[in-house]
Amino acid sequence: YLRSLAMKEHAVVQVGKGGVTPDVTAYADEALSARELIKVDVLKNAGLDVRDVGETLAGRTNSLLVQTMGRKITLYRPAEKPVIKLPKASAAGNTEK
């Protein structure tokens, strides 16, 4: 569900050759507070593994790494009053109709 919502979004944070600096982390944290769901662009000159960057940012911002696709990362963190309503999970293995 979150991946489909992120398809329409543009990257609001960029990670460059400096890596995941405190400034990048602070900006991502602010963006998550304002939007709940953000995309991060890892620039080619960063020379970093995109998945590692995503896991680092997710850990530092207390958010969920939704996906990495190419050089893009999607992060989600619900707000105190969530705007994004997540669908309820169906029971695993429940095939009864």
N, C-alpha and C. Protein backbone atom coordinates (compact mmCIF):
# COMPACT_ATOMS: atom_id res chain seq x y z
N TYR A 1 0.83 -1.20 0.00
CA TYR A 1 0.00 0.00 0.00
C TYR A 1 0.87 1.26 0.00
N LEU A 2 1.87 1.28 0.90
CA LEU A 2 2.76 2.45 0.97
C LEU A 2 3.58 2.62 -0.30
N ARG A 3 4.00 1.52 -0.89
CA ARG A 3 4.75 1.63 -2.15
C ARG A 3 3.91 2.27 -3.24
N SER A 4 2.62 1.93 -3.28
CA SER A 4 1.76 2.52 -4.31
C SER A 4 1.57 4.02 -4.06
N LEU A 5 1.46 4.43 -2.80
CA LEU A 5 1.36 5.86 -2.50
C LEU A 5 2.64 6.60 -2.88
N ALA A 6 3.77 5.96 -2.68
CA ALA A 6 5.05 6.60 -2.95
C ALA A 6 5.32 6.79 -4.44
N MET A 7 4.63 6.03 -5.27
CA MET A 7 4.86 6.14 -6.72
C MET A 7 4.62 7.57 -7.21
N LYS A 8 3.70 8.28 -6.59
CA LYS A 8 3.34 9.63 -7.03
C LYS A 8 4.25 10.71 -6.45
N GLU A 9 5.07 10.34 -5.48
CA GLU A 9 5.90 11.31 -4.77
C GLU A 9 7.24 11.54 -5.47
N HIS A 10 7.79 12.71 -5.25
CA HIS A 10 9.13 13.04 -5.73
C HIS A 10 10.08 12.98 -4.53
N ALA A 11 11.35 12.75 -4.81
CA ALA A 11 12.35 12.72 -3.74
C ALA A 11 12.46 14.10 -3.10
N VAL A 12 12.44 14.13 -1.77
CA VAL A 12 12.56 15.39 -1.05
C VAL A 12 13.88 15.50 -0.31
N VAL A 13 14.64 14.40 -0.27
CA VAL A 13 15.94 14.38 0.39
C VAL A 13 16.93 13.75 -0.58
N GLN A 14 18.15 14.30 -0.61
CA GLN A 14 19.20 13.74 -1.44
C GLN A 14 20.40 13.40 -0.58
N VAL A 15 21.00 12.25 -0.87
CA VAL A 15 22.22 11.83 -0.19
C VAL A 15 23.33 11.86 -1.23
N GLY A 16 24.34 12.67 -0.98
CA GLY A 16 25.45 12.81 -1.92
C GLY A 16 26.70 12.13 -1.42
N LYS A 17 27.85 12.60 -1.92
CA LYS A 17 29.12 11.96 -1.58
C LYS A 17 29.48 12.07 -0.10
N GLY A 18 28.84 12.99 0.61
CA GLY A 18 29.09 13.11 2.06
C GLY A 18 28.43 12.01 2.86
N GLY A 19 27.52 11.26 2.22
CA GLY A 19 26.85 10.16 2.90
C GLY A 19 25.71 10.65 3.79
N VAL A 20 25.37 9.84 4.76
CA VAL A 20 24.26 10.14 5.67
C VAL A 20 24.80 11.01 6.81
N THR A 21 24.88 12.29 6.55
CA THR A 21 25.41 13.24 7.53
C THR A 21 24.32 13.61 8.54
N PRO A 22 24.69 14.25 9.64
CA PRO A 22 23.67 14.72 10.58
C PRO A 22 22.67 15.67 9.93
N ASP A 23 23.13 16.49 8.98
CA ASP A 23 22.22 17.41 8.28
C ASP A 23 21.20 16.64 7.44
N VAL A 24 21.65 15.61 6.73
CA VAL A 24 20.75 14.79 5.91
C VAL A 24 19.74 14.10 6.82
N THR A 25 20.21 13.57 7.94
CA THR A 25 19.33 12.89 8.89
C THR A 25 18.29 13.86 9.44
N ALA A 26 18.71 15.06 9.81
CA ALA A 26 17.80 16.06 10.36
C ALA A 26 16.76 16.46 9.32
N TYR A 27 17.18 16.63 8.08
CA TYR A 27 16.25 17.02 7.02
C TYR A 27 15.24 15.91 6.76
N ALA A 28 15.70 14.66 6.74
CA ALA A 28 14.80 13.52 6.55
C ALA A 28 13.81 13.43 7.71
N ASP A 29 14.29 13.68 8.92
CA ASP A 29 13.43 13.64 10.10
C ASP A 29 12.33 14.70 10.01
N GLU A 30 12.70 15.90 9.61
CA GLU A 30 11.73 16.99 9.44
C GLU A 30 10.71 16.65 8.34
N ALA A 31 11.20 16.09 7.24
CA ALA A 31 10.31 15.74 6.13
C ALA A 31 9.33 14.64 6.55
N LEU A 32 9.79 13.67 7.32
CA LEU A 32 8.91 12.62 7.81
C LEU A 32 7.85 13.18 8.76
N SER A 33 8.23 14.14 9.57
CA SER A 33 7.28 14.76 10.48
C SER A 33 6.19 15.49 9.71
N ALA A 34 6.56 16.09 8.60
CA ALA A 34 5.60 16.86 7.81
C ALA A 34 4.77 16.00 6.88
N ARG A 35 5.34 14.89 6.36
CA ARG A 35 4.68 14.15 5.29
C ARG A 35 4.34 12.70 5.63
N GLU A 36 4.99 12.09 6.56
CA GLU A 36 4.85 10.68 6.94
C GLU A 36 5.54 9.74 5.95
N LEU A 37 5.42 9.98 4.66
CA LEU A 37 5.99 9.11 3.63
C LEU A 37 6.88 9.96 2.74
N ILE A 38 8.16 9.60 2.65
CA ILE A 38 9.08 10.38 1.82
C ILE A 38 9.92 9.48 0.94
N LYS A 39 10.43 10.10 -0.12
CA LYS A 39 11.41 9.43 -0.97
C LYS A 39 12.74 10.14 -0.80
N VAL A 40 13.79 9.33 -0.84
CA VAL A 40 15.16 9.83 -0.73
C VAL A 40 15.90 9.39 -1.99
N ASP A 41 16.65 10.29 -2.58
CA ASP A 41 17.44 9.99 -3.77
C ASP A 41 18.90 9.87 -3.36
N VAL A 42 19.51 8.72 -3.66
CA VAL A 42 20.94 8.53 -3.39
C VAL A 42 21.65 8.82 -4.71
N LEU A 43 22.40 9.91 -4.73
CA LEU A 43 23.07 10.33 -5.96
C LEU A 43 24.17 9.36 -6.35
N LYS A 44 24.44 9.29 -7.65
CA LYS A 44 25.45 8.35 -8.15
C LYS A 44 26.83 8.63 -7.56
N ASN A 45 27.14 9.91 -7.33
CA ASN A 45 28.47 10.24 -6.82
C ASN A 45 28.64 9.89 -5.35
N ALA A 46 27.57 9.42 -4.70
CA ALA A 46 27.68 9.05 -3.28
C ALA A 46 28.54 7.81 -3.12
N GLY A 47 28.49 6.90 -4.09
CA GLY A 47 29.30 5.70 -4.01
C GLY A 47 28.91 4.79 -2.85
N LEU A 48 27.66 4.86 -2.42
CA LEU A 48 27.19 4.09 -1.27
C LEU A 48 26.15 3.07 -1.72
N ASP A 49 26.01 2.00 -0.94
CA ASP A 49 24.98 1.02 -1.18
C ASP A 49 23.63 1.61 -0.77
N VAL A 50 22.68 1.61 -1.68
CA VAL A 50 21.38 2.26 -1.45
C VAL A 50 20.66 1.60 -0.26
N ARG A 51 20.70 0.29 -0.18
CA ARG A 51 20.03 -0.42 0.92
C ARG A 51 20.64 -0.02 2.27
N ASP A 52 21.98 0.08 2.33
CA ASP A 52 22.64 0.50 3.57
C ASP A 52 22.23 1.91 3.97
N VAL A 53 22.15 2.80 2.99
CA VAL A 53 21.72 4.18 3.27
C VAL A 53 20.30 4.17 3.82
N GLY A 54 19.41 3.38 3.21
CA GLY A 54 18.04 3.29 3.66
C GLY A 54 17.92 2.78 5.09
N GLU A 55 18.67 1.73 5.39
CA GLU A 55 18.63 1.16 6.74
C GLU A 55 19.20 2.14 7.77
N THR A 56 20.24 2.85 7.39
CA THR A 56 20.84 3.84 8.29
C THR A 56 19.87 4.98 8.57
N LEU A 57 19.28 5.53 7.51
CA LEU A 57 18.32 6.63 7.68
C LEU A 57 17.09 6.17 8.47
N ALA A 58 16.60 4.97 8.19
CA ALA A 58 15.43 4.45 8.91
C ALA A 58 15.75 4.33 10.40
N GLY A 59 16.92 3.83 10.72
CA GLY A 59 17.31 3.69 12.11
C GLY A 59 17.47 5.04 12.81
N ARG A 60 18.08 5.98 12.14
CA ARG A 60 18.33 7.29 12.75
C ARG A 60 17.07 8.15 12.88
N THR A 61 16.08 7.89 12.02
CA THR A 61 14.85 8.69 12.06
C THR A 61 13.68 7.92 12.69
N ASN A 62 13.96 6.72 13.17
CA ASN A 62 12.93 5.88 13.78
C ASN A 62 11.75 5.68 12.82
N SER A 63 12.08 5.35 11.58
CA SER A 63 11.07 5.16 10.54
C SER A 63 11.19 3.76 9.97
N LEU A 64 10.29 3.43 9.07
CA LEU A 64 10.25 2.14 8.42
C LEU A 64 10.78 2.28 7.01
N LEU A 65 11.73 1.40 6.65
CA LEU A 65 12.21 1.36 5.28
C LEU A 65 11.19 0.60 4.46
N VAL A 66 10.45 1.31 3.62
CA VAL A 66 9.38 0.70 2.83
C VAL A 66 9.96 -0.06 1.65
N GLN A 67 10.88 0.60 0.92
CA GLN A 67 11.50 -0.06 -0.23
C GLN A 67 12.71 0.71 -0.71
N THR A 68 13.54 0.01 -1.47
CA THR A 68 14.58 0.65 -2.26
C THR A 68 14.33 0.22 -3.70
N MET A 69 14.40 1.18 -4.60
CA MET A 69 14.20 0.88 -6.00
C MET A 69 15.17 1.74 -6.79
N GLY A 70 16.11 1.08 -7.43
CA GLY A 70 17.14 1.82 -8.13
C GLY A 70 17.95 2.62 -7.12
N ARG A 71 17.97 3.93 -7.27
CA ARG A 71 18.70 4.80 -6.35
C ARG A 71 17.74 5.57 -5.44
N LYS A 72 16.51 5.12 -5.38
CA LYS A 72 15.49 5.77 -4.54
C LYS A 72 15.16 4.91 -3.32
N ILE A 73 14.89 5.59 -2.21
CA ILE A 73 14.52 4.94 -0.95
C ILE A 73 13.18 5.54 -0.54
N THR A 74 12.30 4.71 -0.02
CA THR A 74 11.03 5.19 0.51
C THR A 74 11.00 4.90 2.00
N LEU A 75 10.72 5.93 2.81
CA LEU A 75 10.63 5.80 4.27
C LEU A 75 9.25 6.22 4.74
N TYR A 76 8.78 5.57 5.81
CA TYR A 76 7.48 5.89 6.38
C TYR A 76 7.59 5.96 7.90
N ARG A 77 6.98 6.99 8.45
CA ARG A 77 6.85 7.12 9.90
C ARG A 77 5.52 7.80 10.19
N PRO A 78 4.61 7.10 10.88
CA PRO A 78 3.31 7.72 11.15
C PRO A 78 3.45 8.93 12.06
N ALA A 79 2.63 9.92 11.81
CA ALA A 79 2.61 11.12 12.65
C ALA A 79 1.82 10.83 13.92
N GLU A 80 1.86 11.77 14.87
CA GLU A 80 1.07 11.61 16.09
C GLU A 80 -0.41 11.48 15.75
N LYS A 81 -0.85 12.26 14.77
CA LYS A 81 -2.21 12.14 14.24
C LYS A 81 -2.05 11.74 12.77
N PRO A 82 -1.97 10.42 12.50
CA PRO A 82 -1.67 9.96 11.14
C PRO A 82 -2.65 10.46 10.09
N VAL A 83 -2.10 10.86 8.96
CA VAL A 83 -2.89 11.28 7.81
C VAL A 83 -3.11 10.06 6.90
N ILE A 84 -2.09 9.25 6.78
CA ILE A 84 -2.17 8.05 5.95
C ILE A 84 -2.84 6.95 6.77
N LYS A 85 -3.93 6.45 6.25
CA LYS A 85 -4.66 5.36 6.90
C LYS A 85 -4.23 4.04 6.27
N LEU A 86 -3.53 3.22 7.03
CA LEU A 86 -3.08 1.93 6.51
C LEU A 86 -4.24 0.94 6.49
N PRO A 87 -4.33 0.14 5.44
CA PRO A 87 -5.39 -0.87 5.40
C PRO A 87 -5.12 -1.95 6.45
N LYS A 88 -6.18 -2.54 6.95
CA LYS A 88 -6.02 -3.60 7.93
C LYS A 88 -5.47 -4.83 7.23
N ALA A 89 -4.54 -5.51 7.89
CA ALA A 89 -3.94 -6.72 7.34
C ALA A 89 -4.94 -7.85 7.41
N SER A 90 -5.02 -8.62 6.36
CA SER A 90 -5.90 -9.79 6.39
C SER A 90 -5.19 -10.91 7.12
N ALA A 91 -5.96 -11.82 7.68
CA ALA A 91 -5.38 -12.94 8.42
C ALA A 91 -4.58 -13.81 7.47
N ALA A 92 -3.34 -14.09 7.85
CA ALA A 92 -2.46 -14.90 7.01
C ALA A 92 -3.00 -16.32 6.93
N GLY A 93 -3.07 -16.81 5.73
CA GLY A 93 -3.50 -18.19 5.54
C GLY A 93 -5.00 -18.38 5.61
N ASN A 94 -5.76 -17.33 5.79
CA ASN A 94 -7.20 -17.43 5.87
C ASN A 94 -7.77 -17.48 4.45
N THR A 95 -8.20 -18.68 4.02
CA THR A 95 -8.70 -18.84 2.67
C THR A 95 -10.21 -19.04 2.65
N GLU A 96 -10.87 -18.98 3.80
CA GLU A 96 -12.31 -19.15 3.85
C GLU A 96 -13.00 -17.94 3.24
N LYS A 97 -14.15 -18.18 2.65
CA LYS A 97 -14.89 -17.09 2.01
C LYS A 97 -16.24 -16.93 2.63
